[in-house]
């Protein structure tokens, strides 16, 4: 019976981001179809730099990576959120949300962010729903903001003292 209980035990929660997490989601296919990388350098370099920055987390539900995300510090107290979701999120929508919420709360507290902002591509409704559930408020629209010419909505959380 103990062997059966041990097999049933699986990890659900948040852990520090590893470069391989981002690469595995890209290999498996991101939740937002057609997402492209436009940065300089390779994806492997970006993933490693993101890991080294230490401001990112990976959400895991039942031992499956549901997403990874983090905060890119713009200057003291201000950061920009990035998030990459796996198609596995469809199997665990509530637990995925809880992982994202808990992970961002942890990063905000540990790094004393006053303002976090995030960009949501117009047409990717699930991102807008997620941002609103996380407490982000829309601040404006940026026309043709992305490299592929898609409009984005800017969302922000501003912590009050």
N, C-alpha and C. Protein backbone atom coordinates (compact mmCIF):
# COMPACT_ATOMS: atom_id res chain seq x y z
N UNK A 1 0.82 -1.19 0.00
CA UNK A 1 0.00 0.00 0.00
C UNK A 1 0.86 1.26 0.00
N UNK A 2 1.97 1.24 0.74
CA UNK A 2 2.86 2.40 0.79
C UNK A 2 3.44 2.70 -0.60
N UNK A 3 3.73 1.66 -1.36
CA UNK A 3 4.27 1.87 -2.72
C UNK A 3 3.25 2.58 -3.60
N UNK A 4 1.97 2.24 -3.44
CA UNK A 4 0.92 2.89 -4.21
C UNK A 4 0.81 4.35 -3.80
N UNK A 5 0.83 4.65 -2.50
CA UNK A 5 0.76 6.03 -2.02
C UNK A 5 1.94 6.84 -2.55
N UNK A 6 3.11 6.24 -2.58
CA UNK A 6 4.30 6.94 -3.07
C UNK A 6 4.16 7.29 -4.55
N UNK A 7 3.57 6.41 -5.34
CA UNK A 7 3.37 6.68 -6.77
C UNK A 7 2.36 7.81 -6.98
N UNK A 8 1.37 7.91 -6.09
CA UNK A 8 0.33 8.92 -6.23
C UNK A 8 0.89 10.31 -5.91
N UNK A 9 1.87 10.38 -5.01
CA UNK A 9 2.46 11.66 -4.64
C UNK A 9 3.10 12.33 -5.84
N UNK A 10 2.67 13.53 -6.11
CA UNK A 10 3.27 14.30 -7.18
C UNK A 10 3.46 15.72 -6.69
N UNK A 11 4.36 16.45 -7.33
CA UNK A 11 4.64 17.82 -6.92
C UNK A 11 3.72 18.79 -7.65
N UNK A 12 3.14 19.68 -6.89
CA UNK A 12 2.38 20.80 -7.43
C UNK A 12 2.82 22.04 -6.68
N UNK A 13 3.24 23.06 -7.41
CA UNK A 13 3.67 24.28 -6.76
C UNK A 13 4.61 25.08 -7.65
N UNK A 14 5.42 25.89 -7.00
CA UNK A 14 6.32 26.80 -7.70
C UNK A 14 7.74 26.49 -7.27
N UNK A 15 8.65 26.53 -8.21
CA UNK A 15 10.07 26.37 -7.90
C UNK A 15 10.86 27.36 -8.73
N UNK A 16 12.13 27.59 -8.40
CA UNK A 16 12.94 28.51 -9.21
C UNK A 16 13.01 28.04 -10.66
N UNK A 17 13.01 28.99 -11.56
CA UNK A 17 13.07 28.75 -13.00
C UNK A 17 14.43 28.17 -13.39
N UNK A 18 14.39 27.21 -14.29
CA UNK A 18 15.60 26.66 -14.93
C UNK A 18 15.49 26.90 -16.43
N UNK A 19 16.62 27.15 -17.07
CA UNK A 19 16.63 27.41 -18.51
C UNK A 19 15.91 26.32 -19.29
N UNK A 20 16.10 25.09 -18.87
CA UNK A 20 15.49 23.96 -19.59
C UNK A 20 13.96 24.00 -19.54
N UNK A 21 13.38 24.70 -18.55
CA UNK A 21 11.92 24.80 -18.46
C UNK A 21 11.36 25.55 -19.66
N UNK A 22 11.96 26.69 -19.96
CA UNK A 22 11.51 27.50 -21.10
C UNK A 22 11.69 26.72 -22.41
N UNK A 23 12.83 26.08 -22.53
CA UNK A 23 13.12 25.33 -23.77
C UNK A 23 12.17 24.15 -23.94
N UNK A 24 11.79 23.50 -22.83
CA UNK A 24 10.87 22.37 -22.96
C UNK A 24 9.48 22.83 -23.37
N UNK A 25 9.04 23.99 -22.85
CA UNK A 25 7.73 24.52 -23.26
C UNK A 25 7.75 24.87 -24.74
N UNK A 26 8.82 25.48 -25.20
CA UNK A 26 8.93 25.83 -26.62
C UNK A 26 8.93 24.57 -27.47
N UNK A 27 9.64 23.53 -27.02
CA UNK A 27 9.65 22.26 -27.76
C UNK A 27 8.27 21.63 -27.83
N UNK A 28 7.51 21.72 -26.72
CA UNK A 28 6.18 21.11 -26.66
C UNK A 28 5.12 21.96 -27.34
N UNK A 29 5.41 23.23 -27.54
CA UNK A 29 4.44 24.15 -28.14
C UNK A 29 3.84 25.04 -27.07
N UNK A 30 3.92 26.32 -27.26
CA UNK A 30 3.37 27.26 -26.28
C UNK A 30 1.86 27.33 -26.39
N UNK A 31 1.24 27.82 -25.32
CA UNK A 31 -0.23 27.96 -25.30
C UNK A 31 -0.69 28.95 -26.38
N UNK A 32 0.09 30.00 -26.59
CA UNK A 32 -0.24 30.98 -27.62
C UNK A 32 0.41 30.53 -28.93
N UNK A 33 -0.37 30.00 -29.82
CA UNK A 33 0.16 29.49 -31.09
C UNK A 33 0.79 30.61 -31.90
N UNK A 34 1.88 30.28 -32.55
CA UNK A 34 2.52 31.23 -33.43
C UNK A 34 3.47 32.19 -32.74
N UNK A 35 3.67 32.02 -31.43
CA UNK A 35 4.58 32.89 -30.70
C UNK A 35 5.99 32.72 -31.26
N UNK A 36 6.66 33.84 -31.51
CA UNK A 36 8.01 33.80 -32.09
C UNK A 36 8.97 34.56 -31.20
N UNK A 37 10.23 34.19 -31.26
CA UNK A 37 11.29 34.87 -30.53
C UNK A 37 11.98 35.84 -31.47
N UNK A 38 12.05 37.11 -31.06
CA UNK A 38 12.62 38.15 -31.92
C UNK A 38 13.90 38.76 -31.33
N UNK A 39 14.40 38.22 -30.25
CA UNK A 39 15.55 38.82 -29.58
C UNK A 39 16.86 38.55 -30.31
N UNK A 40 17.89 39.21 -29.82
CA UNK A 40 19.23 38.93 -30.35
C UNK A 40 19.78 37.75 -29.56
N UNK A 41 20.70 37.04 -30.14
CA UNK A 41 21.22 35.85 -29.48
C UNK A 41 20.29 34.67 -29.71
N UNK A 42 20.62 33.57 -29.07
CA UNK A 42 19.82 32.36 -29.24
C UNK A 42 18.81 32.22 -28.11
N UNK A 43 17.82 31.39 -28.32
CA UNK A 43 16.85 31.10 -27.26
C UNK A 43 17.53 30.47 -26.05
N UNK A 44 18.52 29.65 -26.31
CA UNK A 44 19.26 29.01 -25.22
C UNK A 44 19.95 30.07 -24.36
N UNK A 45 20.53 31.09 -25.00
CA UNK A 45 21.19 32.17 -24.27
C UNK A 45 20.17 32.96 -23.44
N UNK A 46 19.02 33.24 -24.04
CA UNK A 46 17.97 33.96 -23.33
C UNK A 46 17.51 33.16 -22.11
N UNK A 47 17.29 31.88 -22.29
CA UNK A 47 16.83 31.02 -21.20
C UNK A 47 17.86 30.98 -20.07
N UNK A 48 19.12 30.85 -20.42
CA UNK A 48 20.19 30.81 -19.40
C UNK A 48 20.30 32.15 -18.68
N UNK A 49 20.23 33.25 -19.41
CA UNK A 49 20.29 34.58 -18.79
C UNK A 49 19.11 34.77 -17.83
N UNK A 50 17.93 34.31 -18.25
CA UNK A 50 16.73 34.40 -17.41
C UNK A 50 16.92 33.61 -16.13
N UNK A 51 17.48 32.42 -16.24
CA UNK A 51 17.77 31.61 -15.05
C UNK A 51 18.75 32.34 -14.14
N UNK A 52 19.80 32.89 -14.71
CA UNK A 52 20.83 33.57 -13.93
C UNK A 52 20.30 34.82 -13.22
N UNK A 53 19.32 35.51 -13.84
CA UNK A 53 18.76 36.73 -13.24
C UNK A 53 18.06 36.43 -11.91
N UNK A 54 17.51 35.23 -11.77
CA UNK A 54 16.89 34.83 -10.52
C UNK A 54 15.54 35.45 -10.21
N UNK A 55 14.91 36.07 -11.20
CA UNK A 55 13.61 36.69 -10.98
C UNK A 55 12.50 35.96 -11.72
N UNK A 56 12.66 34.65 -11.86
CA UNK A 56 11.67 33.86 -12.60
C UNK A 56 11.36 32.57 -11.85
N UNK A 57 10.18 32.05 -12.12
CA UNK A 57 9.70 30.83 -11.46
C UNK A 57 9.11 29.88 -12.50
N UNK A 58 8.95 28.64 -12.10
CA UNK A 58 8.29 27.64 -12.92
C UNK A 58 7.14 27.05 -12.12
N UNK A 59 5.96 26.99 -12.74
CA UNK A 59 4.80 26.39 -12.11
C UNK A 59 4.67 24.95 -12.56
N UNK A 60 4.42 24.08 -11.59
CA UNK A 60 4.32 22.65 -11.87
C UNK A 60 3.04 22.12 -11.23
N UNK A 61 2.28 21.36 -11.99
CA UNK A 61 1.08 20.71 -11.48
C UNK A 61 1.18 19.23 -11.81
N UNK A 62 1.08 18.41 -10.79
CA UNK A 62 1.19 16.95 -10.95
C UNK A 62 2.45 16.57 -11.74
N UNK A 63 3.55 17.18 -11.36
CA UNK A 63 4.87 16.93 -11.96
C UNK A 63 4.99 17.38 -13.42
N UNK A 64 4.03 18.14 -13.91
CA UNK A 64 4.09 18.65 -15.29
C UNK A 64 4.29 20.16 -15.26
N UNK A 65 5.20 20.65 -16.07
CA UNK A 65 5.41 22.09 -16.17
C UNK A 65 4.21 22.70 -16.88
N UNK A 66 3.52 23.60 -16.18
CA UNK A 66 2.37 24.28 -16.78
C UNK A 66 2.74 25.65 -17.31
N UNK A 67 3.85 26.16 -16.84
CA UNK A 67 4.29 27.46 -17.33
C UNK A 67 5.50 27.97 -16.57
N UNK A 68 6.08 29.00 -17.13
CA UNK A 68 7.16 29.68 -16.44
C UNK A 68 6.99 31.17 -16.71
N UNK A 69 7.49 31.95 -15.81
CA UNK A 69 7.37 33.38 -15.96
C UNK A 69 8.23 34.08 -14.94
N UNK A 70 8.26 35.37 -15.06
CA UNK A 70 9.07 36.12 -14.14
C UNK A 70 8.93 37.61 -14.35
N UNK A 71 9.87 38.32 -13.78
CA UNK A 71 9.86 39.77 -13.83
C UNK A 71 11.21 40.24 -14.35
N UNK A 72 11.18 41.07 -15.35
CA UNK A 72 12.39 41.72 -15.84
C UNK A 72 12.43 43.10 -15.19
N UNK A 73 13.45 43.31 -14.37
CA UNK A 73 13.57 44.58 -13.66
C UNK A 73 13.93 45.68 -14.64
N UNK A 74 13.09 46.73 -14.67
CA UNK A 74 13.35 47.88 -15.53
C UNK A 74 14.21 48.91 -14.78
N UNK A 75 13.88 49.17 -13.52
CA UNK A 75 14.66 49.99 -12.60
C UNK A 75 14.12 49.70 -11.21
N UNK A 76 14.72 50.27 -10.16
CA UNK A 76 14.32 49.97 -8.80
C UNK A 76 12.82 50.14 -8.61
N UNK A 77 12.18 49.07 -8.14
CA UNK A 77 10.76 49.11 -7.84
C UNK A 77 9.83 48.85 -9.00
N UNK A 78 10.36 48.81 -10.22
CA UNK A 78 9.51 48.65 -11.41
C UNK A 78 9.99 47.46 -12.24
N UNK A 79 9.04 46.61 -12.59
CA UNK A 79 9.39 45.45 -13.40
C UNK A 79 8.32 45.13 -14.42
N UNK A 80 8.72 44.35 -15.41
CA UNK A 80 7.80 43.93 -16.46
C UNK A 80 7.68 42.42 -16.43
N UNK A 81 6.45 41.96 -16.43
CA UNK A 81 6.14 40.54 -16.32
C UNK A 81 6.28 39.85 -17.67
N UNK A 82 6.81 38.65 -17.66
CA UNK A 82 6.77 37.79 -18.84
C UNK A 82 6.19 36.45 -18.39
N UNK A 83 5.53 35.79 -19.28
CA UNK A 83 4.85 34.54 -18.95
C UNK A 83 4.78 33.66 -20.19
N UNK A 84 5.10 32.40 -20.02
CA UNK A 84 5.02 31.44 -21.11
C UNK A 84 4.27 30.21 -20.59
N UNK A 85 3.12 29.93 -21.18
CA UNK A 85 2.29 28.82 -20.72
C UNK A 85 2.39 27.62 -21.64
N UNK A 86 2.34 26.47 -21.04
CA UNK A 86 2.35 25.20 -21.76
C UNK A 86 0.92 24.82 -22.13
N UNK A 87 0.74 24.05 -23.19
CA UNK A 87 -0.61 23.56 -23.50
C UNK A 87 -1.21 22.72 -22.37
N UNK A 88 -0.38 22.22 -21.47
CA UNK A 88 -0.85 21.42 -20.33
C UNK A 88 -1.77 22.24 -19.42
N UNK A 89 -1.68 23.58 -19.49
CA UNK A 89 -2.53 24.42 -18.63
C UNK A 89 -4.01 24.11 -18.83
N UNK A 90 -4.38 23.67 -20.02
CA UNK A 90 -5.79 23.34 -20.28
C UNK A 90 -6.30 22.21 -19.38
N UNK A 91 -5.40 21.35 -18.94
CA UNK A 91 -5.78 20.25 -18.06
C UNK A 91 -5.94 20.70 -16.61
N UNK A 92 -5.25 21.78 -16.23
CA UNK A 92 -5.22 22.23 -14.84
C UNK A 92 -5.39 23.75 -14.76
N UNK A 93 -6.49 24.31 -15.24
CA UNK A 93 -6.59 25.77 -15.29
C UNK A 93 -6.53 26.45 -13.93
N UNK A 94 -7.19 25.90 -12.93
CA UNK A 94 -7.22 26.55 -11.61
C UNK A 94 -5.87 26.43 -10.91
N UNK A 95 -5.30 25.24 -10.93
CA UNK A 95 -3.99 25.05 -10.29
C UNK A 95 -2.92 25.86 -11.02
N UNK A 96 -3.02 25.99 -12.34
CA UNK A 96 -2.07 26.82 -13.08
C UNK A 96 -2.16 28.26 -12.60
N UNK A 97 -3.38 28.78 -12.51
CA UNK A 97 -3.59 30.15 -12.02
C UNK A 97 -2.97 30.31 -10.63
N UNK A 98 -3.22 29.33 -9.74
CA UNK A 98 -2.69 29.43 -8.37
C UNK A 98 -1.17 29.44 -8.35
N UNK A 99 -0.55 28.65 -9.21
CA UNK A 99 0.91 28.65 -9.30
C UNK A 99 1.43 30.01 -9.76
N UNK A 100 0.79 30.56 -10.77
CA UNK A 100 1.21 31.87 -11.30
C UNK A 100 1.03 32.94 -10.21
N UNK A 101 -0.13 32.95 -9.60
CA UNK A 101 -0.41 33.94 -8.54
C UNK A 101 0.61 33.83 -7.40
N UNK A 102 0.82 32.63 -6.90
CA UNK A 102 1.74 32.43 -5.79
C UNK A 102 3.17 32.80 -6.17
N UNK A 103 3.57 32.43 -7.38
CA UNK A 103 4.92 32.73 -7.84
C UNK A 103 5.17 34.22 -7.97
N UNK A 104 4.23 34.94 -8.55
CA UNK A 104 4.41 36.39 -8.70
C UNK A 104 4.34 37.10 -7.35
N UNK A 105 3.47 36.65 -6.45
CA UNK A 105 3.43 37.24 -5.10
C UNK A 105 4.77 37.07 -4.41
N UNK A 106 5.36 35.90 -4.55
CA UNK A 106 6.67 35.62 -3.96
C UNK A 106 7.75 36.53 -4.55
N UNK A 107 7.78 36.67 -5.86
CA UNK A 107 8.78 37.52 -6.51
C UNK A 107 8.61 39.00 -6.13
N UNK A 108 7.37 39.46 -6.03
CA UNK A 108 7.10 40.86 -5.67
C UNK A 108 7.61 41.13 -4.26
N UNK A 109 7.27 40.25 -3.32
CA UNK A 109 7.67 40.45 -1.92
C UNK A 109 9.19 40.39 -1.76
N UNK A 110 9.81 39.40 -2.36
CA UNK A 110 11.25 39.21 -2.19
C UNK A 110 12.07 40.31 -2.83
N UNK A 111 11.50 41.02 -3.82
CA UNK A 111 12.28 42.00 -4.59
C UNK A 111 11.74 43.42 -4.48
N UNK A 112 10.76 43.64 -3.62
CA UNK A 112 10.26 44.97 -3.29
C UNK A 112 9.81 45.76 -4.52
N UNK A 113 9.02 45.12 -5.38
CA UNK A 113 8.48 45.83 -6.54
C UNK A 113 7.28 46.67 -6.12
N UNK A 114 7.21 47.89 -6.62
CA UNK A 114 6.09 48.80 -6.37
C UNK A 114 5.14 48.77 -7.57
N UNK A 115 5.70 48.61 -8.76
CA UNK A 115 4.90 48.58 -9.98
C UNK A 115 5.35 47.40 -10.84
N UNK A 116 4.35 46.63 -11.27
CA UNK A 116 4.58 45.57 -12.25
C UNK A 116 3.69 45.86 -13.45
N UNK A 117 4.24 45.69 -14.63
CA UNK A 117 3.43 45.88 -15.83
C UNK A 117 3.56 44.67 -16.73
N UNK A 118 2.55 44.48 -17.55
CA UNK A 118 2.51 43.33 -18.45
C UNK A 118 1.80 43.74 -19.73
N UNK A 119 2.23 43.16 -20.82
CA UNK A 119 1.62 43.43 -22.13
C UNK A 119 0.81 42.21 -22.57
N UNK A 120 -0.43 42.45 -22.98
CA UNK A 120 -1.26 41.37 -23.50
C UNK A 120 -1.59 41.63 -24.96
N UNK A 121 -1.26 40.66 -25.81
CA UNK A 121 -1.55 40.80 -27.24
C UNK A 121 -3.06 40.84 -27.47
N UNK A 122 -3.52 41.78 -28.25
CA UNK A 122 -4.93 41.83 -28.62
C UNK A 122 -5.24 40.54 -29.39
N UNK A 123 -6.33 39.92 -29.06
CA UNK A 123 -6.71 38.67 -29.71
C UNK A 123 -6.35 37.44 -28.89
N UNK A 124 -5.56 37.59 -27.84
CA UNK A 124 -5.20 36.47 -26.96
C UNK A 124 -5.98 36.65 -25.66
N UNK A 125 -7.28 36.37 -25.74
CA UNK A 125 -8.23 36.68 -24.66
C UNK A 125 -7.85 36.04 -23.33
N UNK A 126 -7.30 34.85 -23.35
CA UNK A 126 -6.96 34.18 -22.09
C UNK A 126 -5.90 34.96 -21.31
N UNK A 127 -5.00 35.62 -22.01
CA UNK A 127 -3.99 36.43 -21.31
C UNK A 127 -4.65 37.59 -20.59
N UNK A 128 -5.62 38.23 -21.24
CA UNK A 128 -6.29 39.38 -20.63
C UNK A 128 -7.10 38.94 -19.41
N UNK A 129 -7.76 37.81 -19.51
CA UNK A 129 -8.51 37.26 -18.38
C UNK A 129 -7.57 36.96 -17.22
N UNK A 130 -6.45 36.33 -17.52
CA UNK A 130 -5.47 36.00 -16.48
C UNK A 130 -4.95 37.26 -15.80
N UNK A 131 -4.56 38.26 -16.57
CA UNK A 131 -4.04 39.50 -15.97
C UNK A 131 -5.07 40.13 -15.03
N UNK A 132 -6.33 40.16 -15.46
CA UNK A 132 -7.37 40.75 -14.61
C UNK A 132 -7.55 39.94 -13.32
N UNK A 133 -7.53 38.62 -13.42
CA UNK A 133 -7.64 37.77 -12.22
C UNK A 133 -6.46 37.98 -11.28
N UNK A 134 -5.31 38.29 -11.81
CA UNK A 134 -4.12 38.52 -10.99
C UNK A 134 -4.10 39.92 -10.37
N UNK A 135 -5.06 40.75 -10.74
CA UNK A 135 -5.14 42.08 -10.15
C UNK A 135 -4.57 43.20 -11.01
N UNK A 136 -4.15 42.88 -12.22
CA UNK A 136 -3.65 43.92 -13.13
C UNK A 136 -4.82 44.75 -13.65
N UNK A 137 -4.58 46.04 -13.84
CA UNK A 137 -5.57 46.95 -14.41
C UNK A 137 -5.08 47.44 -15.76
N UNK A 138 -5.97 47.52 -16.76
CA UNK A 138 -5.53 48.03 -18.07
C UNK A 138 -5.20 49.51 -17.99
N UNK A 139 -4.12 49.91 -18.65
CA UNK A 139 -3.70 51.31 -18.64
C UNK A 139 -3.73 51.95 -20.03
N UNK A 140 -3.69 51.16 -21.06
CA UNK A 140 -3.72 51.75 -22.39
C UNK A 140 -3.42 50.72 -23.45
N UNK A 141 -3.47 51.17 -24.69
CA UNK A 141 -3.21 50.29 -25.82
C UNK A 141 -2.02 50.83 -26.61
N UNK A 142 -1.19 49.93 -27.04
CA UNK A 142 -0.04 50.30 -27.86
C UNK A 142 -0.28 49.71 -29.26
N UNK A 143 -0.47 50.55 -30.21
CA UNK A 143 -0.74 50.11 -31.58
C UNK A 143 0.53 49.56 -32.23
N UNK A 144 0.35 48.42 -32.89
CA UNK A 144 1.45 47.77 -33.63
C UNK A 144 2.71 47.65 -32.76
N UNK A 145 2.52 47.21 -31.52
CA UNK A 145 3.59 47.16 -30.53
C UNK A 145 4.58 46.03 -30.76
N UNK A 146 4.11 44.89 -31.21
CA UNK A 146 4.99 43.73 -31.34
C UNK A 146 5.75 43.74 -32.67
N UNK A 147 6.84 42.98 -32.74
CA UNK A 147 7.60 42.94 -33.99
C UNK A 147 6.76 42.49 -35.19
N UNK A 148 5.71 41.71 -34.93
CA UNK A 148 4.85 41.26 -36.03
C UNK A 148 3.63 42.17 -36.21
N UNK A 149 3.65 43.36 -35.58
CA UNK A 149 2.63 44.37 -35.84
C UNK A 149 1.32 44.21 -35.10
N UNK A 150 1.29 43.42 -34.03
CA UNK A 150 0.06 43.21 -33.28
C UNK A 150 -0.07 44.29 -32.19
N UNK A 151 -1.29 44.78 -32.00
CA UNK A 151 -1.56 45.73 -30.91
C UNK A 151 -1.50 44.99 -29.58
N UNK A 152 -1.12 45.71 -28.53
CA UNK A 152 -1.08 45.15 -27.18
C UNK A 152 -1.73 46.11 -26.20
N UNK A 153 -2.27 45.53 -25.14
CA UNK A 153 -2.82 46.31 -24.05
C UNK A 153 -1.82 46.25 -22.90
N UNK A 154 -1.52 47.41 -22.33
CA UNK A 154 -0.63 47.49 -21.18
C UNK A 154 -1.46 47.38 -19.90
N UNK A 155 -1.06 46.44 -19.05
CA UNK A 155 -1.69 46.24 -17.74
C UNK A 155 -0.65 46.55 -16.67
N UNK A 156 -1.13 46.94 -15.48
CA UNK A 156 -0.20 47.20 -14.39
C UNK A 156 -0.86 46.92 -13.04
N UNK A 157 -0.02 46.56 -12.10
CA UNK A 157 -0.36 46.50 -10.68
C UNK A 157 0.54 47.53 -10.03
N UNK A 158 -0.05 48.44 -9.28
CA UNK A 158 0.73 49.44 -8.55
C UNK A 158 0.41 49.25 -7.07
N UNK A 159 1.44 48.88 -6.33
CA UNK A 159 1.27 48.64 -4.89
C UNK A 159 1.19 49.97 -4.16
N UNK A 160 0.18 50.11 -3.34
CA UNK A 160 -0.01 51.34 -2.55
C UNK A 160 0.71 51.19 -1.22
N UNK A 161 1.37 52.24 -0.76
CA UNK A 161 2.07 52.19 0.54
C UNK A 161 1.11 52.35 1.68
